[in-house]
Amino acid sequence: MSDMKRHGLIMVGVLVTVVAVRLIFPGFFDGISDSMVDGISHLKSWTRGG
């Protein structure tokens, strides 16, 4: 039970942190998601041999 509580607290803390960072730096996640999409598309083309 204590493990479940700890896990729940960690999840809530992560969510609160993400929301706070989104409110403080609205453009922060846009840059991360753009670079992640670029990296994923590069990886896909590389695995296809292109």
C-alpha atoms as a PDB file:
ATOM      1  CA  MET A   1       0.000   0.000   0.000  1.00  0.00           C
ATOM      2  CA  SER A   2       2.809   2.414   0.830  1.00  0.00           C
ATOM      3  CA  ASP A   3       4.379   1.691  -2.569  1.00  0.00           C
ATOM      4  CA  MET A   4       1.110   2.592  -4.300  1.00  0.00           C
ATOM      5  CA  LYS A   5       0.862   5.807  -2.275  1.00  0.00           C
ATOM      6  CA  ARG A   6       4.453   6.714  -3.102  1.00  0.00           C
ATOM      7  CA  HIS A   7       3.850   6.002  -6.790  1.00  0.00           C
ATOM      8  CA  GLY A   8       0.713   8.168  -6.745  1.00  0.00           C
ATOM      9  CA  LEU A   9       2.570  11.012  -5.048  1.00  0.00           C
ATOM     10  CA  ILE A  10       5.357  10.807  -7.635  1.00  0.00           C
ATOM     11  CA  MET A  11       2.815  10.890 -10.485  1.00  0.00           C
ATOM     12  CA  VAL A  12       1.015  13.888  -8.949  1.00  0.00           C
ATOM     13  CA  GLY A  13       4.319  15.669  -8.427  1.00  0.00           C
ATOM     14  CA  VAL A  14       5.354  15.084 -12.036  1.00  0.00           C
ATOM     15  CA  LEU A  15       1.979  16.334 -13.301  1.00  0.00           C
ATOM     16  CA  VAL A  16       2.155  19.457 -11.127  1.00  0.00           C
ATOM     17  CA  THR A  17       5.715  20.131 -12.299  1.00  0.00           C
ATOM     18  CA  VAL A  18       4.757  19.713 -15.960  1.00  0.00           C
ATOM     19  CA  VAL A  19       1.766  22.041 -15.593  1.00  0.00           C
ATOM     20  CA  ALA A  20       3.858  24.633 -13.746  1.00  0.00           C
ATOM     21  CA  VAL A  21       6.609  24.539 -16.390  1.00  0.00           C
ATOM     22  CA  ARG A  22       3.976  24.830 -19.143  1.00  0.00           C
ATOM     23  CA  LEU A  23       2.502  27.903 -17.443  1.00  0.00           C
ATOM     24  CA  ILE A  24       5.892  29.530 -16.817  1.00  0.00           C
ATOM     25  CA  PHE A  25       7.555  28.613 -20.131  1.00  0.00           C
ATOM     26  CA  PRO A  26       4.798  28.116 -22.750  1.00  0.00           C
ATOM     27  CA  GLY A  27       7.300  27.782 -25.595  1.00  0.00           C
ATOM     28  CA  PHE A  28       9.518  25.298 -23.728  1.00  0.00           C
ATOM     29  CA  PHE A  29       7.540  22.168 -24.634  1.00  0.00           C
ATOM     30  CA  ASP A  30       6.968  23.330 -28.218  1.00  0.00           C
ATOM     31  CA  GLY A  31      10.717  23.296 -28.819  1.00  0.00           C
ATOM     32  CA  ILE A  32      11.084  19.871 -27.172  1.00  0.00           C
ATOM     33  CA  SER A  33       8.204  18.296 -29.107  1.00  0.00           C
ATOM     34  CA  ASP A  34       9.485  19.744 -32.396  1.00  0.00           C
ATOM     35  CA  SER A  35      12.983  18.335 -31.847  1.00  0.00           C
ATOM     36  CA  MET A  36      11.494  14.991 -30.750  1.00  0.00           C
ATOM     37  CA  VAL A  37       9.367  14.801 -33.915  1.00  0.00           C
ATOM     38  CA  ASP A  38      12.436  15.648 -36.007  1.00  0.00           C
ATOM     39  CA  GLY A  39      14.472  12.957 -34.236  1.00  0.00           C
ATOM     40  CA  ILE A  40      11.738  10.342 -34.659  1.00  0.00           C
ATOM     41  CA  SER A  41      11.317  11.096 -38.380  1.00  0.00           C
ATOM     42  CA  HIS A  42      15.104  10.937 -38.864  1.00  0.00           C
ATOM     43  CA  LEU A  43      15.195   7.604 -37.012  1.00  0.00           C
ATOM     44  CA  LYS A  44      12.344   6.182 -39.121  1.00  0.00           C
ATOM     45  CA  SER A  45      13.985   7.183 -42.408  1.00  0.00           C
ATOM     46  CA  TRP A  46      17.315   5.784 -41.164  1.00  0.00           C
ATOM     47  CA  THR A  47      15.773   2.420 -40.171  1.00  0.00           C
ATOM     48  CA  ARG A  48      14.105   2.205 -43.594  1.00  0.00           C
ATOM     49  CA  GLY A  49      17.514   2.695 -45.197  1.00  0.00           C
ATOM     50  CA  GLY A  50      16.635   6.107 -46.606  1.00  0.00           C
END
